[in-house]
């Protein structure tokens, strides 16, 4: 995470940063890989780019409609050549982006309970939504690590 953060913070293009991270991990003498689930949002034009490697789907909720963004790629570092899938999505004010780990979805890309939750009216607080997702994942029986982030895109 620090390696990727420093590359991106120094202005390295996302696709190049992913290639460098993959090369760094793939060339180590030990088995080392990582899932990557990253969103880069251009605040000037509202376009988002999602980099997904071995990650659970990302959900964008717009006016009650849930868009599921997914990529069936391997985690970074497994193969010498990266297979990063960059997904582009035009964001609008009011859109809610939800990114979760596979522990939340129990590895199920369909995850009916999460789709039901995101299809219902969402709370105003993104912290409240994030905590609700974690609580429901625990109730669903997840024993894996759980991560969730929720953001609402707003106009300046």
N, C-alpha and C. Protein backbone atom coordinates (compact mmCIF):
# COMPACT_ATOMS: atom_id res chain seq x y z
N UNK A 1 0.83 -1.19 0.00
CA UNK A 1 0.00 0.00 0.00
C UNK A 1 0.87 1.25 0.00
N UNK A 2 1.94 1.24 0.79
CA UNK A 2 2.82 2.39 0.87
C UNK A 2 3.53 2.60 -0.47
N UNK A 3 3.97 1.50 -1.09
CA UNK A 3 4.65 1.57 -2.38
C UNK A 3 3.73 2.23 -3.40
N UNK A 4 2.49 1.77 -3.49
CA UNK A 4 1.52 2.31 -4.44
C UNK A 4 1.18 3.75 -4.10
N UNK A 5 1.01 4.06 -2.83
CA UNK A 5 0.69 5.43 -2.42
C UNK A 5 1.81 6.39 -2.82
N UNK A 6 3.04 5.98 -2.64
CA UNK A 6 4.16 6.87 -2.99
C UNK A 6 4.27 7.07 -4.50
N UNK A 7 4.06 6.02 -5.26
CA UNK A 7 4.11 6.16 -6.72
C UNK A 7 3.02 7.13 -7.21
N UNK A 8 1.81 6.91 -6.74
CA UNK A 8 0.70 7.76 -7.17
C UNK A 8 0.87 9.19 -6.65
N UNK A 9 1.35 9.32 -5.44
CA UNK A 9 1.58 10.64 -4.87
C UNK A 9 2.65 11.43 -5.61
N UNK A 10 3.57 10.71 -6.26
CA UNK A 10 4.63 11.37 -7.02
C UNK A 10 4.18 11.69 -8.45
N UNK A 11 2.92 11.37 -8.77
CA UNK A 11 2.39 11.69 -10.09
C UNK A 11 2.50 10.58 -11.11
N UNK A 12 2.90 9.39 -10.69
CA UNK A 12 2.99 8.26 -11.62
C UNK A 12 1.59 7.89 -12.10
N UNK A 13 1.41 7.70 -13.41
CA UNK A 13 0.09 7.27 -13.91
C UNK A 13 -0.33 5.94 -13.27
N UNK A 14 -1.62 5.78 -13.06
CA UNK A 14 -2.15 4.60 -12.39
C UNK A 14 -1.72 3.30 -13.05
N UNK A 15 -1.83 3.20 -14.36
CA UNK A 15 -1.47 1.95 -15.04
C UNK A 15 0.01 1.63 -14.85
N UNK A 16 0.87 2.64 -14.90
CA UNK A 16 2.31 2.43 -14.69
C UNK A 16 2.60 2.01 -13.26
N UNK A 17 1.92 2.64 -12.31
CA UNK A 17 2.11 2.29 -10.90
C UNK A 17 1.72 0.83 -10.65
N UNK A 18 0.63 0.40 -11.26
CA UNK A 18 0.19 -0.99 -11.09
C UNK A 18 1.21 -1.96 -11.70
N UNK A 19 1.76 -1.61 -12.86
CA UNK A 19 2.79 -2.46 -13.48
C UNK A 19 4.03 -2.55 -12.59
N UNK A 20 4.44 -1.41 -12.03
CA UNK A 20 5.63 -1.42 -11.17
C UNK A 20 5.38 -2.22 -9.89
N UNK A 21 4.21 -2.08 -9.31
CA UNK A 21 3.87 -2.85 -8.11
C UNK A 21 3.87 -4.33 -8.43
N UNK A 22 3.28 -4.69 -9.55
CA UNK A 22 3.25 -6.10 -9.94
C UNK A 22 4.67 -6.64 -10.12
N UNK A 23 5.51 -5.89 -10.81
CA UNK A 23 6.89 -6.32 -11.01
C UNK A 23 7.63 -6.46 -9.70
N UNK A 24 7.43 -5.52 -8.80
CA UNK A 24 8.08 -5.56 -7.49
C UNK A 24 7.69 -6.83 -6.73
N UNK A 25 6.40 -7.16 -6.71
CA UNK A 25 5.93 -8.34 -5.98
C UNK A 25 6.27 -9.65 -6.69
N UNK A 26 6.14 -9.67 -8.02
CA UNK A 26 6.35 -10.91 -8.78
C UNK A 26 7.81 -11.35 -8.78
N UNK A 27 8.73 -10.42 -8.63
CA UNK A 27 10.15 -10.76 -8.72
C UNK A 27 10.80 -11.07 -7.37
N UNK A 28 10.02 -11.08 -6.33
CA UNK A 28 10.55 -11.44 -5.01
C UNK A 28 10.76 -12.94 -4.97
N UNK A 29 11.63 -13.40 -4.11
CA UNK A 29 11.92 -14.84 -4.01
C UNK A 29 10.96 -15.58 -3.09
N UNK A 30 9.93 -14.91 -2.63
CA UNK A 30 8.92 -15.54 -1.79
C UNK A 30 7.56 -15.31 -2.42
N UNK A 31 6.61 -16.19 -2.07
CA UNK A 31 5.26 -16.00 -2.58
C UNK A 31 4.68 -14.74 -1.94
N UNK A 32 4.40 -13.77 -2.76
CA UNK A 32 3.92 -12.48 -2.26
C UNK A 32 2.95 -11.90 -3.28
N UNK A 33 1.72 -11.68 -2.87
CA UNK A 33 0.73 -11.09 -3.76
C UNK A 33 -0.22 -10.23 -2.94
N UNK A 34 -0.98 -9.40 -3.62
CA UNK A 34 -1.91 -8.51 -2.93
C UNK A 34 -3.10 -8.22 -3.82
N UNK A 35 -4.28 -8.15 -3.21
CA UNK A 35 -5.44 -7.67 -3.94
C UNK A 35 -5.36 -6.14 -3.94
N UNK A 36 -5.81 -5.55 -5.03
CA UNK A 36 -5.81 -4.09 -5.13
C UNK A 36 -7.22 -3.66 -5.54
N UNK A 37 -7.76 -2.72 -4.79
CA UNK A 37 -9.07 -2.15 -5.08
C UNK A 37 -8.92 -0.66 -4.85
N UNK A 38 -8.79 0.08 -5.93
CA UNK A 38 -8.41 1.49 -5.84
C UNK A 38 -9.33 2.34 -6.71
N UNK A 39 -9.71 3.49 -6.20
CA UNK A 39 -10.49 4.44 -6.98
C UNK A 39 -9.70 5.74 -7.08
N UNK A 40 -9.58 6.23 -8.30
CA UNK A 40 -8.93 7.52 -8.55
C UNK A 40 -10.00 8.42 -9.15
N UNK A 41 -10.31 9.52 -8.46
CA UNK A 41 -11.39 10.41 -8.88
C UNK A 41 -10.81 11.73 -9.36
N UNK A 42 -11.11 12.10 -10.59
CA UNK A 42 -10.71 13.38 -11.14
C UNK A 42 -11.74 14.41 -10.68
N UNK A 43 -11.33 15.28 -9.78
CA UNK A 43 -12.26 16.26 -9.22
C UNK A 43 -12.66 17.34 -10.20
N UNK A 44 -11.93 17.47 -11.30
CA UNK A 44 -12.26 18.50 -12.29
C UNK A 44 -13.37 18.04 -13.23
N UNK A 45 -13.29 16.81 -13.73
CA UNK A 45 -14.30 16.37 -14.69
C UNK A 45 -15.26 15.29 -14.17
N UNK A 46 -15.02 14.81 -12.95
CA UNK A 46 -15.95 13.86 -12.35
C UNK A 46 -15.78 12.42 -12.79
N UNK A 47 -14.77 12.11 -13.57
CA UNK A 47 -14.55 10.73 -13.97
C UNK A 47 -13.77 9.98 -12.90
N UNK A 48 -14.17 8.75 -12.66
CA UNK A 48 -13.46 7.89 -11.73
C UNK A 48 -12.85 6.74 -12.51
N UNK A 49 -11.68 6.33 -12.09
CA UNK A 49 -11.03 5.14 -12.63
C UNK A 49 -10.85 4.19 -11.46
N UNK A 50 -11.31 2.96 -11.63
CA UNK A 50 -11.18 1.94 -10.61
C UNK A 50 -10.17 0.91 -11.10
N UNK A 51 -9.14 0.63 -10.28
CA UNK A 51 -8.17 -0.41 -10.56
C UNK A 51 -8.52 -1.57 -9.65
N UNK A 52 -8.77 -2.73 -10.25
CA UNK A 52 -9.22 -3.88 -9.47
C UNK A 52 -8.37 -5.10 -9.85
N UNK A 53 -7.74 -5.69 -8.86
CA UNK A 53 -6.99 -6.93 -9.04
C UNK A 53 -7.34 -7.89 -7.91
N UNK A 54 -8.12 -8.90 -8.23
CA UNK A 54 -8.50 -9.89 -7.23
C UNK A 54 -9.42 -9.34 -6.17
N UNK A 55 -10.08 -8.23 -6.44
CA UNK A 55 -10.90 -7.56 -5.43
C UNK A 55 -12.38 -7.86 -5.60
N UNK A 56 -13.12 -7.70 -4.51
CA UNK A 56 -14.57 -7.82 -4.54
C UNK A 56 -15.14 -6.69 -5.39
N UNK A 57 -16.38 -6.83 -5.85
CA UNK A 57 -16.98 -5.75 -6.64
C UNK A 57 -17.04 -4.43 -5.88
N UNK A 58 -17.06 -3.35 -6.63
CA UNK A 58 -17.32 -2.02 -6.10
C UNK A 58 -18.74 -1.66 -6.53
N UNK A 59 -19.44 -0.96 -5.67
CA UNK A 59 -20.82 -0.60 -5.95
C UNK A 59 -20.95 0.91 -6.03
N UNK A 60 -21.64 1.38 -7.05
CA UNK A 60 -21.96 2.80 -7.17
C UNK A 60 -23.48 2.89 -7.14
N UNK A 61 -23.99 3.67 -6.20
CA UNK A 61 -25.44 3.84 -6.06
C UNK A 61 -25.78 5.25 -6.55
N UNK A 62 -26.65 5.28 -7.56
CA UNK A 62 -27.09 6.55 -8.13
C UNK A 62 -28.61 6.56 -8.19
N UNK A 63 -29.21 7.44 -7.40
CA UNK A 63 -30.67 7.61 -7.40
C UNK A 63 -31.41 6.28 -7.30
N UNK A 64 -30.96 5.41 -6.39
CA UNK A 64 -31.63 4.14 -6.14
C UNK A 64 -31.20 3.00 -7.03
N UNK A 65 -30.43 3.26 -8.06
CA UNK A 65 -29.92 2.21 -8.94
C UNK A 65 -28.51 1.83 -8.49
N UNK A 66 -28.25 0.52 -8.39
CA UNK A 66 -26.94 0.03 -7.95
C UNK A 66 -26.19 -0.49 -9.17
N UNK A 67 -25.02 0.09 -9.41
CA UNK A 67 -24.12 -0.36 -10.48
C UNK A 67 -23.00 -1.16 -9.82
N UNK A 68 -22.79 -2.36 -10.33
CA UNK A 68 -21.75 -3.22 -9.78
C UNK A 68 -20.55 -3.23 -10.73
N UNK A 69 -19.40 -2.80 -10.23
CA UNK A 69 -18.18 -2.76 -11.03
C UNK A 69 -17.28 -3.90 -10.56
N UNK A 70 -16.98 -4.81 -11.48
CA UNK A 70 -16.14 -5.93 -11.08
C UNK A 70 -15.17 -6.31 -12.18
N UNK A 71 -14.15 -7.00 -11.77
CA UNK A 71 -13.13 -7.45 -12.69
C UNK A 71 -12.65 -8.82 -12.22
N UNK A 72 -12.67 -9.76 -13.10
CA UNK A 72 -12.23 -11.12 -12.74
C UNK A 72 -10.75 -11.25 -13.07
N UNK A 73 -9.92 -10.59 -12.27
CA UNK A 73 -8.48 -10.63 -12.46
C UNK A 73 -7.83 -11.24 -11.22
N UNK A 74 -6.60 -11.68 -11.39
CA UNK A 74 -5.84 -12.24 -10.28
C UNK A 74 -5.24 -11.11 -9.44
N UNK A 75 -4.92 -11.40 -8.19
CA UNK A 75 -4.22 -10.40 -7.39
C UNK A 75 -2.88 -10.02 -8.02
N UNK A 76 -2.39 -8.86 -7.67
CA UNK A 76 -1.10 -8.35 -8.14
C UNK A 76 0.02 -9.23 -7.58
N UNK A 77 1.02 -9.51 -8.42
CA UNK A 77 2.21 -10.22 -7.97
C UNK A 77 2.22 -11.70 -8.26
N UNK A 78 1.11 -12.26 -8.73
CA UNK A 78 1.07 -13.69 -9.02
C UNK A 78 1.75 -14.01 -10.34
N UNK A 79 1.47 -13.21 -11.36
CA UNK A 79 2.06 -13.42 -12.68
C UNK A 79 3.04 -12.30 -13.00
N UNK A 80 4.06 -12.59 -13.84
CA UNK A 80 5.03 -11.54 -14.17
C UNK A 80 4.42 -10.35 -14.90
N UNK A 81 3.38 -10.58 -15.68
CA UNK A 81 2.71 -9.49 -16.40
C UNK A 81 1.40 -9.17 -15.69
N UNK A 82 1.21 -7.90 -15.42
CA UNK A 82 0.00 -7.47 -14.71
C UNK A 82 -1.25 -7.63 -15.58
N UNK A 83 -2.36 -7.89 -14.93
CA UNK A 83 -3.63 -7.99 -15.62
C UNK A 83 -4.62 -6.99 -15.03
N UNK A 84 -4.10 -5.85 -14.62
CA UNK A 84 -4.97 -4.84 -14.00
C UNK A 84 -6.06 -4.43 -14.96
N UNK A 85 -7.26 -4.40 -14.45
CA UNK A 85 -8.40 -3.95 -15.24
C UNK A 85 -8.77 -2.56 -14.73
N UNK A 86 -8.69 -1.58 -15.61
CA UNK A 86 -9.08 -0.22 -15.25
C UNK A 86 -10.49 0.03 -15.75
N UNK A 87 -11.38 0.30 -14.85
CA UNK A 87 -12.78 0.56 -15.18
C UNK A 87 -13.05 2.05 -15.02
N UNK A 88 -13.62 2.66 -16.04
CA UNK A 88 -13.92 4.09 -16.00
C UNK A 88 -15.42 4.27 -15.77
N UNK A 89 -15.74 5.25 -14.93
CA UNK A 89 -17.14 5.48 -14.58
C UNK A 89 -17.33 6.97 -14.34
N UNK A 90 -18.32 7.55 -14.98
CA UNK A 90 -18.62 8.98 -14.81
C UNK A 90 -19.41 9.15 -13.53
N UNK A 91 -18.87 9.92 -12.61
CA UNK A 91 -19.54 10.15 -11.33
C UNK A 91 -20.41 11.40 -11.42
N UNK A 92 -21.49 11.40 -10.63
CA UNK A 92 -22.41 12.53 -10.56
C UNK A 92 -22.58 12.92 -9.10
N UNK A 93 -22.87 14.20 -8.83
CA UNK A 93 -23.16 14.60 -7.46
C UNK A 93 -24.27 13.74 -6.87
N UNK A 94 -24.06 13.28 -5.65
CA UNK A 94 -25.04 12.42 -4.99
C UNK A 94 -24.72 10.94 -5.11
N UNK A 95 -23.84 10.56 -6.05
CA UNK A 95 -23.46 9.15 -6.17
C UNK A 95 -22.78 8.68 -4.88
N UNK A 96 -23.05 7.45 -4.51
CA UNK A 96 -22.40 6.83 -3.35
C UNK A 96 -21.56 5.67 -3.87
N UNK A 97 -20.29 5.65 -3.47
CA UNK A 97 -19.37 4.58 -3.85
C UNK A 97 -19.12 3.73 -2.62
N UNK A 98 -19.31 2.42 -2.77
CA UNK A 98 -19.08 1.47 -1.68
C UNK A 98 -18.05 0.45 -2.16
N UNK A 99 -16.95 0.37 -1.41
CA UNK A 99 -15.89 -0.60 -1.71
C UNK A 99 -15.75 -1.49 -0.49
N UNK A 100 -15.75 -2.82 -0.72
CA UNK A 100 -15.69 -3.79 0.37
C UNK A 100 -14.64 -4.86 0.07
N UNK A 101 -14.19 -5.52 1.11
CA UNK A 101 -13.30 -6.66 0.94
C UNK A 101 -14.13 -7.91 0.69
N UNK A 102 -13.47 -8.97 0.22
CA UNK A 102 -14.20 -10.22 -0.05
C UNK A 102 -14.73 -10.86 1.22
N UNK A 103 -14.22 -10.45 2.38
CA UNK A 103 -14.78 -10.94 3.63
C UNK A 103 -16.21 -10.48 3.84
N UNK A 104 -16.53 -9.31 3.32
CA UNK A 104 -17.90 -8.79 3.43
C UNK A 104 -18.84 -9.60 2.56
N UNK A 105 -18.42 -9.88 1.35
CA UNK A 105 -19.30 -10.60 0.40
C UNK A 105 -19.18 -12.11 0.52
N UNK A 106 -18.31 -12.58 1.40
CA UNK A 106 -18.04 -14.02 1.54
C UNK A 106 -17.61 -14.63 0.21
N UNK A 107 -16.93 -13.82 -0.60
CA UNK A 107 -16.44 -14.29 -1.90
C UNK A 107 -17.54 -14.43 -2.94
N UNK A 108 -18.76 -14.02 -2.62
CA UNK A 108 -19.89 -14.14 -3.53
C UNK A 108 -20.11 -12.80 -4.23
N UNK A 109 -19.79 -12.73 -5.52
CA UNK A 109 -19.96 -11.48 -6.27
C UNK A 109 -21.40 -11.00 -6.30
N UNK A 110 -22.34 -11.88 -6.07
CA UNK A 110 -23.76 -11.49 -6.13
C UNK A 110 -24.21 -10.90 -4.79
N UNK A 111 -23.81 -11.45 -3.68
CA UNK A 111 -24.08 -10.96 -2.32
C UNK A 111 -25.46 -10.31 -2.19
N UNK A 112 -26.53 -11.11 -2.18
CA UNK A 112 -27.91 -10.56 -2.18
C UNK A 112 -28.19 -9.59 -1.03
N UNK A 113 -27.71 -9.86 0.17
CA UNK A 113 -28.02 -8.96 1.29
C UNK A 113 -27.42 -7.58 1.07
N UNK A 114 -26.23 -7.51 0.47
CA UNK A 114 -25.61 -6.22 0.22
C UNK A 114 -26.35 -5.46 -0.88
N UNK A 115 -26.76 -6.17 -1.92
CA UNK A 115 -27.54 -5.53 -2.98
C UNK A 115 -28.86 -4.99 -2.43
N UNK A 116 -29.51 -5.75 -1.54
CA UNK A 116 -30.76 -5.29 -0.92
C UNK A 116 -30.52 -4.03 -0.09
N UNK A 117 -29.43 -4.05 0.69
CA UNK A 117 -29.11 -2.89 1.53
C UNK A 117 -28.86 -1.65 0.68
N UNK A 118 -28.10 -1.80 -0.38
CA UNK A 118 -27.74 -0.64 -1.22
C UNK A 118 -28.91 -0.18 -2.09
N UNK A 119 -29.89 -1.05 -2.31
CA UNK A 119 -31.07 -0.69 -3.10
C UNK A 119 -32.11 0.05 -2.25
N UNK A 120 -31.96 -0.02 -0.93
CA UNK A 120 -32.87 0.68 -0.01
C UNK A 120 -32.40 2.12 0.15
N UNK A 121 -33.26 2.99 0.68
CA UNK A 121 -32.79 4.36 0.94
C UNK A 121 -31.55 4.34 1.85
N UNK A 122 -30.52 5.06 1.45
CA UNK A 122 -29.26 5.04 2.19
C UNK A 122 -29.27 6.12 3.28
N UNK A 123 -28.56 5.86 4.37
CA UNK A 123 -28.47 6.89 5.42
C UNK A 123 -27.67 8.09 4.92
N UNK A 124 -27.84 9.22 5.55
CA UNK A 124 -27.06 10.41 5.19
C UNK A 124 -25.59 10.24 5.56
N UNK A 125 -25.34 9.55 6.66
CA UNK A 125 -23.98 9.36 7.14
C UNK A 125 -23.32 8.15 6.46
N UNK A 126 -22.19 8.40 5.82
CA UNK A 126 -21.46 7.31 5.17
C UNK A 126 -20.80 6.40 6.22
N UNK A 127 -20.46 6.95 7.38
CA UNK A 127 -19.94 6.12 8.47
C UNK A 127 -21.00 5.14 8.94
N UNK A 128 -22.23 5.61 9.01
CA UNK A 128 -23.34 4.75 9.41
C UNK A 128 -23.54 3.63 8.40
N UNK A 129 -23.48 3.94 7.11
CA UNK A 129 -23.62 2.92 6.06
C UNK A 129 -22.49 1.90 6.17
N UNK A 130 -21.27 2.39 6.33
CA UNK A 130 -20.11 1.50 6.42
C UNK A 130 -20.24 0.55 7.62
N UNK A 131 -20.64 1.08 8.77
CA UNK A 131 -20.79 0.24 9.96
C UNK A 131 -21.94 -0.76 9.79
N UNK A 132 -23.01 -0.35 9.12
CA UNK A 132 -24.13 -1.26 8.87
C UNK A 132 -23.67 -2.42 7.98
N UNK A 133 -22.85 -2.12 6.99
CA UNK A 133 -22.33 -3.18 6.11
C UNK A 133 -21.50 -4.18 6.92
N UNK A 134 -20.62 -3.69 7.78
CA UNK A 134 -19.79 -4.57 8.60
C UNK A 134 -20.64 -5.42 9.54
N UNK A 135 -21.61 -4.80 10.20
CA UNK A 135 -22.48 -5.54 11.12
C UNK A 135 -23.26 -6.63 10.39
N UNK A 136 -23.77 -6.30 9.20
CA UNK A 136 -24.54 -7.30 8.45
C UNK A 136 -23.65 -8.42 7.94
N UNK A 137 -22.42 -8.12 7.59
CA UNK A 137 -21.48 -9.17 7.16
C UNK A 137 -21.21 -10.12 8.31
N UNK A 138 -21.05 -9.59 9.51
CA UNK A 138 -20.85 -10.45 10.69
C UNK A 138 -22.08 -11.31 10.94
N UNK A 139 -23.27 -10.72 10.81
CA UNK A 139 -24.52 -11.46 10.98
C UNK A 139 -24.66 -12.56 9.93
N UNK A 140 -24.16 -12.29 8.72
CA UNK A 140 -24.23 -13.28 7.64
C UNK A 140 -23.24 -14.43 7.86
N UNK A 141 -22.37 -14.30 8.87
CA UNK A 141 -21.47 -15.40 9.21
C UNK A 141 -20.05 -15.25 8.73
N UNK A 142 -19.66 -14.08 8.31
CA UNK A 142 -18.29 -13.90 7.83
C UNK A 142 -17.30 -14.08 8.97
N UNK A 143 -16.26 -14.86 8.70
CA UNK A 143 -15.18 -15.06 9.67
C UNK A 143 -13.88 -14.52 9.12
N UNK A 144 -13.93 -13.91 7.94
CA UNK A 144 -12.76 -13.34 7.28
C UNK A 144 -12.58 -11.90 7.77
N UNK A 145 -11.46 -11.28 7.38
CA UNK A 145 -11.29 -9.87 7.71
C UNK A 145 -12.33 -9.06 6.93
N UNK A 146 -12.77 -7.96 7.52
CA UNK A 146 -13.83 -7.15 6.94
C UNK A 146 -13.36 -5.72 6.75
N UNK A 147 -13.53 -5.21 5.54
CA UNK A 147 -13.21 -3.82 5.25
C UNK A 147 -14.34 -3.25 4.41
N UNK A 148 -14.71 -2.01 4.71
CA UNK A 148 -15.73 -1.33 3.93
C UNK A 148 -15.47 0.16 3.98
N UNK A 149 -15.66 0.80 2.84
CA UNK A 149 -15.57 2.25 2.77
C UNK A 149 -16.77 2.73 1.95
N UNK A 150 -17.32 3.86 2.35
CA UNK A 150 -18.45 4.44 1.64
C UNK A 150 -18.22 5.94 1.55
N UNK A 151 -18.35 6.47 0.35
CA UNK A 151 -18.20 7.92 0.14
C UNK A 151 -19.38 8.42 -0.70
N UNK A 152 -19.75 9.65 -0.47
CA UNK A 152 -20.77 10.31 -1.29
C UNK A 152 -20.07 11.41 -2.07
N UNK A 153 -20.29 11.45 -3.39
CA UNK A 153 -19.71 12.48 -4.24
C UNK A 153 -20.62 13.70 -4.14
N UNK A 154 -20.02 14.84 -3.83
CA UNK A 154 -20.79 16.06 -3.71
C UNK A 154 -20.16 17.15 -4.54
N UNK A 155 -20.97 18.12 -4.91
CA UNK A 155 -20.45 19.29 -5.62
C UNK A 155 -19.73 20.18 -4.62
N UNK A 156 -18.80 20.98 -5.11
CA UNK A 156 -18.10 21.92 -4.23
C UNK A 156 -19.03 23.00 -3.77
